[in-house]
Amino acid sequence: MYGWIWDHLPGNVAVKALCALALLATVLWLLWFVVFPWAEPLLPFGDVTVDGSTAGA
């Protein structure tokens, strides 16, 4: 997959590297500001059970 992306980017190696970095930054931005905030309420991070018992001790 990465080879296919690299082959389809325009320009020489320097331009391809810059385009690849821009693509990576765009994907990370979308994940951080769009996907993760949307998915956060669906994840069970707030459903923590803590009690005073010591299991197995």
C-alpha atoms as a PDB file:
ATOM      1  CA  MET A   1       0.000   0.000   0.000  1.00  0.00           C
ATOM      2  CA  TYR A   2       2.751   2.475   0.915  1.00  0.00           C
ATOM      3  CA  GLY A   3       4.602   1.635  -2.262  1.00  0.00           C
ATOM      4  CA  TRP A   4       1.474   2.353  -4.282  1.00  0.00           C
ATOM      5  CA  ILE A   5       1.068   5.738  -2.568  1.00  0.00           C
ATOM      6  CA  TRP A   6       4.760   6.554  -3.108  1.00  0.00           C
ATOM      7  CA  ASP A   7       4.547   5.624  -6.777  1.00  0.00           C
ATOM      8  CA  HIS A   8       1.522   7.867  -7.335  1.00  0.00           C
ATOM      9  CA  LEU A   9       2.946  10.973  -5.654  1.00  0.00           C
ATOM     10  CA  PRO A  10       4.244  13.584  -8.108  1.00  0.00           C
ATOM     11  CA  GLY A  11       7.805  14.840  -8.426  1.00  0.00           C
ATOM     12  CA  ASN A  12      11.239  13.702  -7.379  1.00  0.00           C
ATOM     13  CA  VAL A  13      12.196  12.143  -4.040  1.00  0.00           C
ATOM     14  CA  ALA A  14      12.226  15.454  -2.149  1.00  0.00           C
ATOM     15  CA  VAL A  15       8.779  16.466  -3.433  1.00  0.00           C
ATOM     16  CA  LYS A  16       7.426  12.980  -2.759  1.00  0.00           C
ATOM     17  CA  ALA A  17       8.768  13.092   0.806  1.00  0.00           C
ATOM     18  CA  LEU A  18       7.166  16.507   1.360  1.00  0.00           C
ATOM     19  CA  CYS A  19       3.840  15.291  -0.068  1.00  0.00           C
ATOM     20  CA  ALA A  20       4.007  12.145   2.068  1.00  0.00           C
ATOM     21  CA  LEU A  21       4.657  14.275   5.159  1.00  0.00           C
ATOM     22  CA  ALA A  22       1.700  16.502   4.280  1.00  0.00           C
ATOM     23  CA  LEU A  23      -0.527  13.438   3.800  1.00  0.00           C
ATOM     24  CA  LEU A  24       0.584  12.031   7.150  1.00  0.00           C
ATOM     25  CA  ALA A  25      -0.050  15.361   8.895  1.00  0.00           C
ATOM     26  CA  THR A  26      -3.522  15.543   7.324  1.00  0.00           C
ATOM     27  CA  VAL A  27      -4.427  12.022   8.441  1.00  0.00           C
ATOM     28  CA  LEU A  28      -3.171  12.692  11.973  1.00  0.00           C
ATOM     29  CA  TRP A  29      -5.099  15.975  12.137  1.00  0.00           C
ATOM     30  CA  LEU A  30      -8.302  14.273  10.992  1.00  0.00           C
ATOM     31  CA  LEU A  31      -7.869  11.493  13.545  1.00  0.00           C
ATOM     32  CA  TRP A  32      -7.071  13.865  16.412  1.00  0.00           C
ATOM     33  CA  PHE A  33      -9.757  16.502  15.781  1.00  0.00           C
ATOM     34  CA  VAL A  34     -12.547  14.558  14.020  1.00  0.00           C
ATOM     35  CA  VAL A  35     -12.433  10.801  14.594  1.00  0.00           C
ATOM     36  CA  PHE A  36     -11.229  10.639  18.197  1.00  0.00           C
ATOM     37  CA  PRO A  37     -13.694  13.263  19.538  1.00  0.00           C
ATOM     38  CA  TRP A  38     -16.520  11.448  17.736  1.00  0.00           C
ATOM     39  CA  ALA A  39     -15.509   8.023  19.106  1.00  0.00           C
ATOM     40  CA  GLU A  40     -14.629   9.100  22.660  1.00  0.00           C
ATOM     41  CA  PRO A  41     -18.203   8.974  24.052  1.00  0.00           C
ATOM     42  CA  LEU A  42     -18.572   5.465  22.618  1.00  0.00           C
ATOM     43  CA  LEU A  43     -15.506   4.107  24.452  1.00  0.00           C
ATOM     44  CA  PRO A  44     -15.759   2.737  28.002  1.00  0.00           C
ATOM     45  CA  PHE A  45     -12.951   4.827  29.546  1.00  0.00           C
ATOM     46  CA  GLY A  46     -15.313   6.303  32.169  1.00  0.00           C
ATOM     47  CA  ASP A  47     -16.723   2.933  33.250  1.00  0.00           C
ATOM     48  CA  VAL A  48     -14.104   2.147  35.876  1.00  0.00           C
ATOM     49  CA  THR A  49     -14.893  -0.094  38.821  1.00  0.00           C
ATOM     50  CA  VAL A  50     -12.742   0.486  41.883  1.00  0.00           C
ATOM     51  CA  ASP A  51     -13.519  -1.041  45.256  1.00  0.00           C
ATOM     52  CA  GLY A  52     -11.664  -1.614  48.506  1.00  0.00           C
ATOM     53  CA  SER A  53     -11.434  -5.394  48.311  1.00  0.00           C
ATOM     54  CA  THR A  54      -8.116  -7.103  47.665  1.00  0.00           C
ATOM     55  CA  ALA A  55      -8.816  -9.944  45.294  1.00  0.00           C
ATOM     56  CA  GLY A  56      -6.470 -12.882  45.622  1.00  0.00           C
ATOM     57  CA  ALA A  57      -4.447 -11.505  48.525  1.00  0.00           C
END
